[in-house]
């Protein structure tokens, strides 16, 4: 399965989650996410590949550095 690229919006790392029979890829910095709902058990591997492929797709490659949001007081 392809490795996840950094977030296309902020450049931070992303994580993959499972939620109620769905797959989520979510940015640890800005919270951008994609979601693939209702994945049958027989299709987990293919769904994971497609979800990662969608996250990694870029209209054009550019380097973005992670700027995690600062905590507000």
C-alpha atoms as a PDB file:
ATOM      1  CA  UNK A   1       0.000   0.000   0.000  1.00  0.00           C
ATOM      2  CA  UNK A   2       1.343   3.495  -0.778  1.00  0.00           C
ATOM      3  CA  UNK A   3       2.751   5.627   2.039  1.00  0.00           C
ATOM      4  CA  UNK A   4       0.716   8.690   2.951  1.00  0.00           C
ATOM      5  CA  UNK A   5       2.080  11.990   1.678  1.00  0.00           C
ATOM      6  CA  UNK A   6       1.986  15.046   3.948  1.00  0.00           C
ATOM      7  CA  UNK A   7      -1.218  17.107   3.982  1.00  0.00           C
ATOM      8  CA  UNK A   8      -1.678  19.057   0.729  1.00  0.00           C
ATOM      9  CA  UNK A   9      -2.976  22.085   2.669  1.00  0.00           C
ATOM     10  CA  UNK A  10      -0.510  22.486   5.553  1.00  0.00           C
ATOM     11  CA  UNK A  11       2.242  19.892   5.020  1.00  0.00           C
ATOM     12  CA  UNK A  12       1.750  18.072   8.355  1.00  0.00           C
ATOM     13  CA  UNK A  13       1.622  14.279   8.701  1.00  0.00           C
ATOM     14  CA  UNK A  14      -1.651  12.408   8.302  1.00  0.00           C
ATOM     15  CA  UNK A  15      -3.005   9.273   9.993  1.00  0.00           C
ATOM     16  CA  UNK A  16      -5.387   6.576   8.870  1.00  0.00           C
ATOM     17  CA  UNK A  17      -8.317   5.615  11.114  1.00  0.00           C
ATOM     18  CA  UNK A  18     -11.153   3.081  11.038  1.00  0.00           C
ATOM     19  CA  UNK A  19     -14.567   4.377  12.129  1.00  0.00           C
ATOM     20  CA  UNK A  20     -17.846   2.414  12.007  1.00  0.00           C
ATOM     21  CA  UNK A  21     -16.860   0.321   8.986  1.00  0.00           C
ATOM     22  CA  UNK A  22     -15.342   3.305   7.206  1.00  0.00           C
ATOM     23  CA  UNK A  23     -11.821   4.558   6.562  1.00  0.00           C
ATOM     24  CA  UNK A  24     -10.633   8.062   7.410  1.00  0.00           C
ATOM     25  CA  UNK A  25      -7.365   9.768   6.537  1.00  0.00           C
ATOM     26  CA  UNK A  26      -6.964  12.915   8.622  1.00  0.00           C
ATOM     27  CA  UNK A  27      -4.256  15.569   8.872  1.00  0.00           C
ATOM     28  CA  UNK A  28      -2.687  15.907  12.344  1.00  0.00           C
ATOM     29  CA  UNK A  29      -2.214  19.648  11.787  1.00  0.00           C
ATOM     30  CA  UNK A  30      -5.195  21.334  10.109  1.00  0.00           C
ATOM     31  CA  UNK A  31      -7.717  18.479  10.386  1.00  0.00           C
ATOM     32  CA  UNK A  32      -8.333  18.077   6.640  1.00  0.00           C
ATOM     33  CA  UNK A  33      -9.777  14.608   6.032  1.00  0.00           C
ATOM     34  CA  UNK A  34     -11.179  12.223   3.484  1.00  0.00           C
ATOM     35  CA  UNK A  35     -13.645   9.484   4.345  1.00  0.00           C
ATOM     36  CA  UNK A  36     -14.658   6.237   2.669  1.00  0.00           C
ATOM     37  CA  UNK A  37     -17.848   4.920   4.275  1.00  0.00           C
ATOM     38  CA  UNK A  38     -19.356   1.458   4.555  1.00  0.00           C
ATOM     39  CA  UNK A  39     -16.516  -0.743   3.373  1.00  0.00           C
ATOM     40  CA  UNK A  40     -17.422  -4.461   3.239  1.00  0.00           C
ATOM     41  CA  UNK A  41     -14.865  -6.712   4.959  1.00  0.00           C
ATOM     42  CA  UNK A  42     -13.858  -8.333   1.654  1.00  0.00           C
ATOM     43  CA  UNK A  43     -12.923  -4.914   0.228  1.00  0.00           C
ATOM     44  CA  UNK A  44     -10.783  -3.441   3.073  1.00  0.00           C
ATOM     45  CA  UNK A  45      -7.462  -3.761   1.275  1.00  0.00           C
ATOM     46  CA  UNK A  46      -8.743  -2.259  -1.980  1.00  0.00           C
ATOM     47  CA  UNK A  47     -10.599   0.516  -0.120  1.00  0.00           C
ATOM     48  CA  UNK A  48      -7.470   1.363   1.881  1.00  0.00           C
ATOM     49  CA  UNK A  49      -5.430   1.566  -1.303  1.00  0.00           C
ATOM     50  CA  UNK A  50      -8.010   3.826  -3.000  1.00  0.00           C
ATOM     51  CA  UNK A  51      -8.327   6.055   0.055  1.00  0.00           C
ATOM     52  CA  UNK A  52      -4.530   6.502   0.262  1.00  0.00           C
ATOM     53  CA  UNK A  53      -4.354   7.064  -3.492  1.00  0.00           C
ATOM     54  CA  UNK A  54      -6.990   9.826  -3.216  1.00  0.00           C
ATOM     55  CA  UNK A  55      -5.139  11.479  -0.300  1.00  0.00           C
ATOM     56  CA  UNK A  56      -1.843  11.375  -2.181  1.00  0.00           C
ATOM     57  CA  UNK A  57      -3.289  12.845  -5.392  1.00  0.00           C
ATOM     58  CA  UNK A  58      -2.125  16.399  -6.078  1.00  0.00           C
ATOM     59  CA  UNK A  59      -3.047  18.800  -8.862  1.00  0.00           C
ATOM     60  CA  UNK A  60       0.586  19.890  -8.847  1.00  0.00           C
ATOM     61  CA  UNK A  61       3.474  19.045  -6.579  1.00  0.00           C
ATOM     62  CA  UNK A  62       4.652  21.740  -4.207  1.00  0.00           C
ATOM     63  CA  UNK A  63       6.539  21.630  -0.951  1.00  0.00           C
ATOM     64  CA  UNK A  64       4.461  22.672   2.040  1.00  0.00           C
ATOM     65  CA  UNK A  65       5.969  22.810   5.518  1.00  0.00           C
ATOM     66  CA  UNK A  66       3.945  21.726   8.502  1.00  0.00           C
ATOM     67  CA  UNK A  67       2.603  24.609  10.561  1.00  0.00           C
ATOM     68  CA  UNK A  68       0.661  23.057  13.402  1.00  0.00           C
ATOM     69  CA  UNK A  69      -2.000  25.336  14.842  1.00  0.00           C
ATOM     70  CA  UNK A  70      -0.972  27.185  17.985  1.00  0.00           C
ATOM     71  CA  UNK A  71      -2.962  26.771  21.179  1.00  0.00           C
ATOM     72  CA  UNK A  72      -5.187  29.751  21.974  1.00  0.00           C
ATOM     73  CA  UNK A  73      -5.222  31.175  25.457  1.00  0.00           C
END
